[in-house]
Amino acid sequence: MNNNDLILQLDELFDNVAPTISNLLGRWKEESQFEDFADYAEVMKKALPAHATFIRATKRPFAVVFSLAGDDRKFQVFASAKCTQWKQVA
């Protein structure tokens, strides 16, 4: 997969997944004492499209880590109080 195609796929994935991650962060900040993070990880996993493979969810940063079909790199969509974005992590 060339870099232009990869960036297009990541941007599209981000547009679809970022609102979910951002909303979950807001809820986690309010409910972390009462709720299991595994439930949040499951929602993040379900938010990913079929061509993305869930690797893990993390609390700090609040993120979902995944890979894309046909690519060995790992990426994350993460949210903070200031922004939500994607980046390559491995």
Protein backbone atom coordinates (compact mmCIF):
# COMPACT_ATOMS: atom_id res chain seq x y z
CA MET A 1 0.00 0.00 0.00
CA ASN A 2 1.49 3.35 -0.94
CA ASN A 3 1.61 6.20 1.56
CA ASN A 4 -1.10 8.26 -0.15
CA ASP A 5 -3.57 5.36 -0.01
CA LEU A 6 -2.60 4.67 3.58
CA ILE A 7 -3.17 8.27 4.65
CA LEU A 8 -6.54 8.34 2.90
CA GLN A 9 -7.57 5.15 4.73
CA LEU A 10 -6.38 6.50 8.06
CA ASP A 11 -8.12 9.84 7.56
CA GLU A 12 -11.39 8.09 6.69
CA LEU A 13 -11.06 5.75 9.67
CA PHE A 14 -10.30 8.72 11.92
CA ASP A 15 -13.37 10.62 10.72
CA ASN A 16 -15.53 7.63 11.68
CA VAL A 17 -13.82 6.58 14.93
CA ALA A 18 -12.75 9.89 16.49
CA PRO A 19 -16.22 10.96 17.68
CA THR A 20 -16.63 7.65 19.51
CA ILE A 21 -13.20 7.90 21.16
CA SER A 22 -13.81 11.51 22.16
CA ASN A 23 -17.23 10.71 23.64
CA LEU A 24 -15.81 7.72 25.52
CA LEU A 25 -13.06 9.88 27.00
CA GLY A 26 -15.61 12.33 28.37
CA ARG A 27 -17.61 9.53 29.90
CA TRP A 28 -14.51 7.80 31.28
CA LYS A 29 -13.45 11.00 33.04
CA GLU A 30 -16.79 11.06 34.84
CA GLU A 31 -17.35 7.34 35.42
CA SER A 32 -13.90 5.74 35.77
CA GLN A 33 -14.45 4.98 39.45
CA PHE A 34 -17.59 3.00 38.67
CA GLU A 35 -17.06 1.36 35.27
CA ASP A 36 -14.73 -1.29 33.89
CA PHE A 37 -12.29 -0.06 31.24
CA ALA A 38 -12.74 -3.39 29.39
CA ASP A 39 -16.25 -2.22 28.49
CA TYR A 40 -14.77 0.89 26.89
CA ALA A 41 -12.19 -1.20 25.03
CA GLU A 42 -14.99 -3.32 23.59
CA VAL A 43 -16.80 -0.23 22.28
CA MET A 44 -13.55 1.02 20.72
CA LYS A 45 -13.00 -2.37 19.10
CA LYS A 46 -16.51 -2.35 17.60
CA ALA A 47 -16.01 1.20 16.30
CA LEU A 48 -13.15 0.09 14.03
CA PRO A 49 -13.99 -0.81 10.42
CA ALA A 50 -13.57 -4.35 9.09
CA HIS A 51 -10.18 -3.59 7.48
CA ALA A 52 -8.69 -2.55 10.86
CA THR A 53 -7.50 -5.08 13.43
CA PHE A 54 -7.91 -4.12 17.07
CA ILE A 55 -4.68 -4.52 19.07
CA ARG A 56 -5.49 -2.87 22.39
CA ALA A 57 -7.13 0.08 24.11
CA THR A 58 -5.21 2.26 26.55
CA LYS A 59 -6.20 4.65 29.33
CA ARG A 60 -3.13 6.92 29.07
CA PRO A 61 -3.28 8.11 26.43
CA PHE A 62 -6.96 7.35 26.00
CA ALA A 63 -6.65 5.52 22.71
CA VAL A 64 -7.35 2.56 20.49
CA VAL A 65 -4.34 0.88 18.85
CA PHE A 66 -4.87 -1.00 15.60
CA SER A 67 -3.32 -2.16 12.35
CA LEU A 68 -4.71 -2.04 8.84
CA ALA A 69 -5.07 -4.97 6.48
CA GLY A 70 -2.01 -5.30 4.27
CA ASP A 71 0.19 -3.14 6.50
CA ASP A 72 2.45 -4.22 9.39
CA ARG A 73 2.53 -0.83 11.11
CA LYS A 74 0.51 0.02 14.21
CA PHE A 75 -1.53 3.18 14.58
CA GLN A 76 -3.64 4.79 17.26
CA VAL A 77 -6.56 7.15 17.45
CA PHE A 78 -6.27 9.01 20.73
CA ALA A 79 -8.19 11.68 22.55
CA SER A 80 -7.20 14.26 25.13
CA ALA A 81 -8.83 17.34 26.56
CA LYS A 82 -7.14 19.37 23.81
CA CYS A 83 -7.50 17.23 20.68
CA THR A 84 -8.30 13.94 19.02
CA GLN A 85 -5.93 12.64 16.32
CA TRP A 86 -4.24 9.59 14.84
CA LYS A 87 -0.58 8.70 14.71
CA GLN A 88 1.70 5.80 13.88
CA VAL A 89 3.01 4.07 17.01
CA ALA A 90 5.10 1.22 15.58
